Amino acid sequence: MRKKRGRPAIGITKKVSITLTEAEWAEIAAPGLTIGAFLRERMRDMKDTNHFPRRYFEEYWKMYLRGSDVPGEATEEILHEAKEKLIRNLYRKDTDDLSIRTKVQFECPFTGKRYGSAEKLVRAAIPHLVQSVIAEKKRKAELEEVRKRNQEPKLWIDL
């Protein structure tokens, strides 16, 4: 019997080509993970809304401070305390478990409205889509009528 060699398989391998900015590639390289490990970690974090690492909020905090106008009286100490207050209120003590509720929303591609469930989206989309199909059929019928009229031979009488 042959011994297994190499690392154990963790799934199906598919080759993918991704075009990203230099900053996005740097973000992937920063944690020191492979591209696959980085993507797996992010996908896991997106699935489990109660597991959203503190470092993400801390990164968002830094990005916001770089790109925004912070009130002039905001000293380093005030900014630090404000950040700590954010983290303290988002996370349970000494864990990476969020203490806030997250809500999945479904955005209707036809109206742009948001719904709390797929069922509500479909229910709201039905009248819109039915009216849309009716209007489309009327437009097609009108166009066909115009085409028929334009194809009929016309009798011109020159005087």
C-alpha atoms as a PDB file:
ATOM      1  CA  MET A   1       0.000   0.000   0.000  1.00  0.00           C
ATOM      2  CA  ARG A   2       1.327   3.428  -1.019  1.00  0.00           C
ATOM      3  CA  LYS A   3       1.699   6.202   1.489  1.00  0.00           C
ATOM      4  CA  LYS A   4      -0.131   9.421   0.763  1.00  0.00           C
ATOM      5  CA  ARG A   5       2.207  12.289   0.017  1.00  0.00           C
ATOM      6  CA  GLY A   6       1.824  16.027   0.185  1.00  0.00           C
ATOM      7  CA  ARG A   7      -0.778  17.977   2.041  1.00  0.00           C
ATOM      8  CA  PRO A   8      -4.296  16.580   2.453  1.00  0.00           C
ATOM      9  CA  ALA A   9      -6.922  17.802   0.011  1.00  0.00           C
ATOM     10  CA  ILE A  10      -9.328  20.366   1.430  1.00  0.00           C
ATOM     11  CA  GLY A  11     -11.580  20.667  -1.602  1.00  0.00           C
ATOM     12  CA  ILE A  12     -11.776  21.009  -5.361  1.00  0.00           C
ATOM     13  CA  THR A  13      -9.078  23.042  -7.097  1.00  0.00           C
ATOM     14  CA  LYS A  14     -10.120  25.347  -9.918  1.00  0.00           C
ATOM     15  CA  LYS A  15      -7.854  27.755 -11.718  1.00  0.00           C
ATOM     16  CA  VAL A  16      -9.074  31.352 -11.582  1.00  0.00           C
ATOM     17  CA  SER A  17      -7.707  34.601 -12.952  1.00  0.00           C
ATOM     18  CA  ILE A  18      -8.488  37.707 -10.907  1.00  0.00           C
ATOM     19  CA  THR A  19      -7.678  41.296 -11.832  1.00  0.00           C
ATOM     20  CA  LEU A  20      -7.245  43.536  -8.786  1.00  0.00           C
ATOM     21  CA  THR A  21      -5.615  46.866  -8.042  1.00  0.00           C
ATOM     22  CA  GLU A  22      -2.189  46.973  -6.398  1.00  0.00           C
ATOM     23  CA  ALA A  23      -3.846  48.055  -3.143  1.00  0.00           C
ATOM     24  CA  GLU A  24      -6.207  45.058  -3.228  1.00  0.00           C
ATOM     25  CA  TRP A  25      -3.300  42.652  -3.874  1.00  0.00           C
ATOM     26  CA  ALA A  26      -1.443  44.289  -0.977  1.00  0.00           C
ATOM     27  CA  GLU A  27      -4.481  43.728   1.258  1.00  0.00           C
ATOM     28  CA  ILE A  28      -4.423  40.028   0.351  1.00  0.00           C
ATOM     29  CA  ALA A  29      -0.675  39.750   0.984  1.00  0.00           C
ATOM     30  CA  ALA A  30      -0.731  41.677   4.299  1.00  0.00           C
ATOM     31  CA  PRO A  31      -1.970  38.879   6.604  1.00  0.00           C
ATOM     32  CA  GLY A  32       0.703  36.538   5.207  1.00  0.00           C
ATOM     33  CA  LEU A  33      -1.830  34.017   3.913  1.00  0.00           C
ATOM     34  CA  THR A  34      -1.964  32.341   0.551  1.00  0.00           C
ATOM     35  CA  ILE A  35      -4.561  33.762  -1.824  1.00  0.00           C
ATOM     36  CA  GLY A  36      -6.721  30.661  -1.317  1.00  0.00           C
ATOM     37  CA  ALA A  37      -6.486  30.875   2.483  1.00  0.00           C
ATOM     38  CA  PHE A  38      -7.305  34.592   2.384  1.00  0.00           C
ATOM     39  CA  LEU A  39     -10.406  33.983   0.248  1.00  0.00           C
ATOM     40  CA  ARG A  40     -11.544  31.042   2.417  1.00  0.00           C
ATOM     41  CA  GLU A  41     -11.195  33.183   5.552  1.00  0.00           C
ATOM     42  CA  ARG A  42     -13.167  36.056   4.032  1.00  0.00           C
ATOM     43  CA  MET A  43     -15.885  33.714   2.747  1.00  0.00           C
ATOM     44  CA  ARG A  44     -16.199  32.108   6.174  1.00  0.00           C
ATOM     45  CA  ASP A  45     -16.441  35.530   7.795  1.00  0.00           C
ATOM     46  CA  MET A  46     -19.166  36.573   5.355  1.00  0.00           C
ATOM     47  CA  LYS A  47     -21.224  33.448   6.074  1.00  0.00           C
ATOM     48  CA  ASP A  48     -20.999  33.729   9.841  1.00  0.00           C
ATOM     49  CA  THR A  49     -22.186  37.233  10.665  1.00  0.00           C
ATOM     50  CA  ASN A  50     -21.394  36.712  14.354  1.00  0.00           C
ATOM     51  CA  HIS A  51     -17.756  36.043  13.466  1.00  0.00           C
ATOM     52  CA  PHE A  52     -16.539  39.310  12.043  1.00  0.00           C
ATOM     53  CA  PRO A  53     -13.010  39.857  13.362  1.00  0.00           C
ATOM     54  CA  ARG A  54     -12.274  43.028  15.300  1.00  0.00           C
ATOM     55  CA  ARG A  55      -9.401  43.767  12.959  1.00  0.00           C
ATOM     56  CA  TYR A  56     -11.901  44.449  10.161  1.00  0.00           C
ATOM     57  CA  PHE A  57     -13.553  47.206  12.206  1.00  0.00           C
ATOM     58  CA  GLU A  58     -10.140  48.508  13.171  1.00  0.00           C
ATOM     59  CA  GLU A  59      -9.126  48.582   9.482  1.00  0.00           C
ATOM     60  CA  TYR A  60     -12.374  50.401   8.634  1.00  0.00           C
ATOM     61  CA  TRP A  61     -11.656  52.866  11.442  1.00  0.00           C
ATOM     62  CA  LYS A  62      -8.195  53.631  10.010  1.00  0.00           C
ATOM     63  CA  MET A  63      -9.561  53.977   6.468  1.00  0.00           C
ATOM     64  CA  TYR A  64     -12.272  56.363   7.656  1.00  0.00           C
ATOM     65  CA  LEU A  65      -9.836  58.520   9.574  1.00  0.00           C
ATOM     66  CA  ARG A  66      -7.548  58.774   6.522  1.00  0.00           C
ATOM     67  CA  GLY A  67     -10.347  59.812   4.184  1.00  0.00           C
ATOM     68  CA  SER A  68     -12.511  62.065   6.294  1.00  0.00           C
ATOM     69  CA  ASP A  69     -12.621  65.311   8.180  1.00  0.00           C
ATOM     70  CA  VAL A  70     -12.342  64.605  11.883  1.00  0.00           C
ATOM     71  CA  PRO A  71     -13.455  67.453  14.176  1.00  0.00           C
ATOM     72  CA  GLY A  72     -10.529  69.701  15.097  1.00  0.00           C
ATOM     73  CA  GLU A  73     -10.858  69.117  18.821  1.00  0.00           C
ATOM     74  CA  ALA A  74     -10.369  65.344  18.319  1.00  0.00           C
ATOM     75  CA  THR A  75      -7.006  64.640  19.900  1.00  0.00           C
ATOM     76  CA  GLU A  76      -5.244  61.265  19.638  1.00  0.00           C
ATOM     77  CA  GLU A  77      -6.581  60.433  23.103  1.00  0.00           C
ATOM     78  CA  ILE A  78     -10.163  61.259  22.104  1.00  0.00           C
ATOM     79  CA  LEU A  79      -9.857  59.221  18.906  1.00  0.00           C
ATOM     80  CA  HIS A  80      -8.440  56.267  20.849  1.00  0.00           C
ATOM     81  CA  GLU A  81     -11.251  56.402  23.418  1.00  0.00           C
ATOM     82  CA  ALA A  82     -13.872  56.678  20.652  1.00  0.00           C
ATOM     83  CA  LYS A  83     -12.429  53.633  18.888  1.00  0.00           C
ATOM     84  CA  GLU A  84     -12.339  51.654  22.127  1.00  0.00           C
ATOM     85  CA  LYS A  85     -15.965  52.602  22.751  1.00  0.00           C
ATOM     86  CA  LEU A  86     -16.898  51.295  19.293  1.00  0.00           C
ATOM     87  CA  ILE A  87     -15.089  47.984  19.834  1.00  0.00           C
ATOM     88  CA  ARG A  88     -16.420  47.611  23.393  1.00  0.00           C
ATOM     89  CA  ASN A  89     -20.005  48.051  22.169  1.00  0.00           C
ATOM     90  CA  LEU A  90     -19.662  45.816  19.115  1.00  0.00           C
ATOM     91  CA  TYR A  91     -17.948  42.851  20.755  1.00  0.00           C
ATOM     92  CA  ARG A  92     -18.572  40.812  23.852  1.00  0.00           C
ATOM     93  CA  LYS A  93     -15.753  41.027  26.350  1.00  0.00           C
ATOM     94  CA  ASP A  94     -12.512  39.444  25.087  1.00  0.00           C
ATOM     95  CA  THR A  95     -14.121  37.624  22.145  1.00  0.00           C
ATOM     96  CA  ASP A  96     -14.485  38.044  18.404  1.00  0.00           C
ATOM     97  CA  ASP A  97     -18.250  37.506  18.653  1.00  0.00           C
ATOM     98  CA  LEU A  98     -20.298  40.482  17.545  1.00  0.00           C
ATOM     99  CA  SER A  99     -22.914  41.662  20.000  1.00  0.00           C
ATOM    100  CA  ILE A 100     -24.910  43.467  17.312  1.00  0.00           C
ATOM    101  CA  ARG A 101     -27.579  41.956  15.140  1.00  0.00           C
ATOM    102  CA  THR A 102     -27.080  41.819  11.418  1.00  0.00           C
ATOM    103  CA  LYS A 103     -29.892  41.657   8.938  1.00  0.00           C
ATOM    104  CA  VAL A 104     -29.789  40.157   5.488  1.00  0.00           C
ATOM    105  CA  GLN A 105     -31.495  42.268   2.862  1.00  0.00           C
ATOM    106  CA  PHE A 106     -32.609  41.300  -0.603  1.00  0.00           C
ATOM    107  CA  GLU A 107     -32.474  44.102  -3.149  1.00  0.00           C
ATOM    108  CA  CYS A 108     -35.012  43.853  -5.958  1.00  0.00           C
ATOM    109  CA  PRO A 109     -33.199  44.162  -9.314  1.00  0.00           C
ATOM    110  CA  PHE A 110     -36.320  45.688 -10.885  1.00  0.00           C
ATOM    111  CA  THR A 111     -37.271  48.356  -8.359  1.00  0.00           C
ATOM    112  CA  GLY A 112     -34.146  48.771  -6.193  1.00  0.00           C
ATOM    113  CA  LYS A 113     -36.235  48.354  -3.027  1.00  0.00           C
ATOM    114  CA  ARG A 114     -34.888  46.188  -0.206  1.00  0.00           C
ATOM    115  CA  TYR A 115     -36.716  43.356   1.516  1.00  0.00           C
ATOM    116  CA  GLY A 116     -36.054  41.276   4.619  1.00  0.00           C
ATOM    117  CA  SER A 117     -36.715  37.971   2.864  1.00  0.00           C
ATOM    118  CA  ALA A 118     -36.662  36.483  -0.612  1.00  0.00           C
ATOM    119  CA  GLU A 119     -40.358  35.695  -0.200  1.00  0.00           C
ATOM    120  CA  LYS A 120     -41.235  39.369   0.339  1.00  0.00           C
ATOM    121  CA  LEU A 121     -39.110  40.379  -2.637  1.00  0.00           C
ATOM    122  CA  VAL A 122     -40.923  37.913  -4.923  1.00  0.00           C
ATOM    123  CA  ARG A 123     -44.330  38.944  -3.574  1.00  0.00           C
ATOM    124  CA  ALA A 124     -43.574  42.612  -4.238  1.00  0.00           C
ATOM    125  CA  ALA A 125     -41.968  41.926  -7.632  1.00  0.00           C
ATOM    126  CA  ILE A 126     -44.942  39.986  -9.066  1.00  0.00           C
ATOM    127  CA  PRO A 127     -47.257  42.977  -9.731  1.00  0.00           C
ATOM    128  CA  HIS A 128     -44.346  45.006 -11.103  1.00  0.00           C
ATOM    129  CA  LEU A 129     -43.254  42.216 -13.437  1.00  0.00           C
ATOM    130  CA  VAL A 130     -46.802  41.402 -14.574  1.00  0.00           C
ATOM    131  CA  GLN A 131     -47.422  45.059 -15.465  1.00  0.00           C
ATOM    132  CA  SER A 132     -44.049  45.176 -17.208  1.00  0.00           C
ATOM    133  CA  VAL A 133     -44.891  42.131 -19.367  1.00  0.00           C
ATOM    134  CA  ILE A 134     -48.346  43.528 -20.199  1.00  0.00           C
ATOM    135  CA  ALA A 135     -46.811  46.866 -21.259  1.00  0.00           C
ATOM    136  CA  GLU A 136     -44.167  45.071 -23.315  1.00  0.00           C
ATOM    137  CA  LYS A 137     -46.809  43.000 -25.128  1.00  0.00           C
ATOM    138  CA  LYS A 138     -48.858  46.155 -25.849  1.00  0.00           C
ATOM    139  CA  ARG A 139     -45.770  47.900 -27.270  1.00  0.00           C
ATOM    140  CA  LYS A 140     -44.980  44.887 -29.465  1.00  0.00           C
ATOM    141  CA  ALA A 141     -48.577  44.730 -30.701  1.00  0.00           C
ATOM    142  CA  GLU A 142     -48.532  48.458 -31.489  1.00  0.00           C
ATOM    143  CA  LEU A 143     -45.226  48.098 -33.354  1.00  0.00           C
ATOM    144  CA  GLU A 144     -46.605  45.159 -35.326  1.00  0.00           C
ATOM    145  CA  GLU A 145     -49.674  47.208 -36.205  1.00  0.00           C
ATOM    146  CA  VAL A 146     -47.484  50.067 -37.425  1.00  0.00           C
ATOM    147  CA  ARG A 147     -45.385  47.651 -39.489  1.00  0.00           C
ATOM    148  CA  LYS A 148     -48.496  46.162 -41.095  1.00  0.00           C
ATOM    149  CA  ARG A 149     -49.815  49.617 -41.956  1.00  0.00           C
ATOM    150  CA  ASN A 150     -46.480  50.594 -43.488  1.00  0.00           C
ATOM    151  CA  GLN A 151     -46.388  47.427 -45.602  1.00  0.00           C
ATOM    152  CA  GLU A 152     -49.860  47.884 -47.096  1.00  0.00           C
ATOM    153  CA  PRO A 153     -49.765  49.125 -50.680  1.00  0.00           C
ATOM    154  CA  LYS A 154     -50.756  52.748 -50.947  1.00  0.00           C
ATOM    155  CA  LEU A 155     -52.589  54.216 -53.854  1.00  0.00           C
ATOM    156  CA  TRP A 156     -51.200  57.532 -54.890  1.00  0.00           C
ATOM    157  CA  ILE A 157     -53.053  59.655 -57.276  1.00  0.00           C
ATOM    158  CA  ASP A 158     -51.061  62.335 -58.984  1.00  0.00           C
ATOM    159  CA  LEU A 159     -53.088  65.189 -60.331  1.00  0.00           C
END
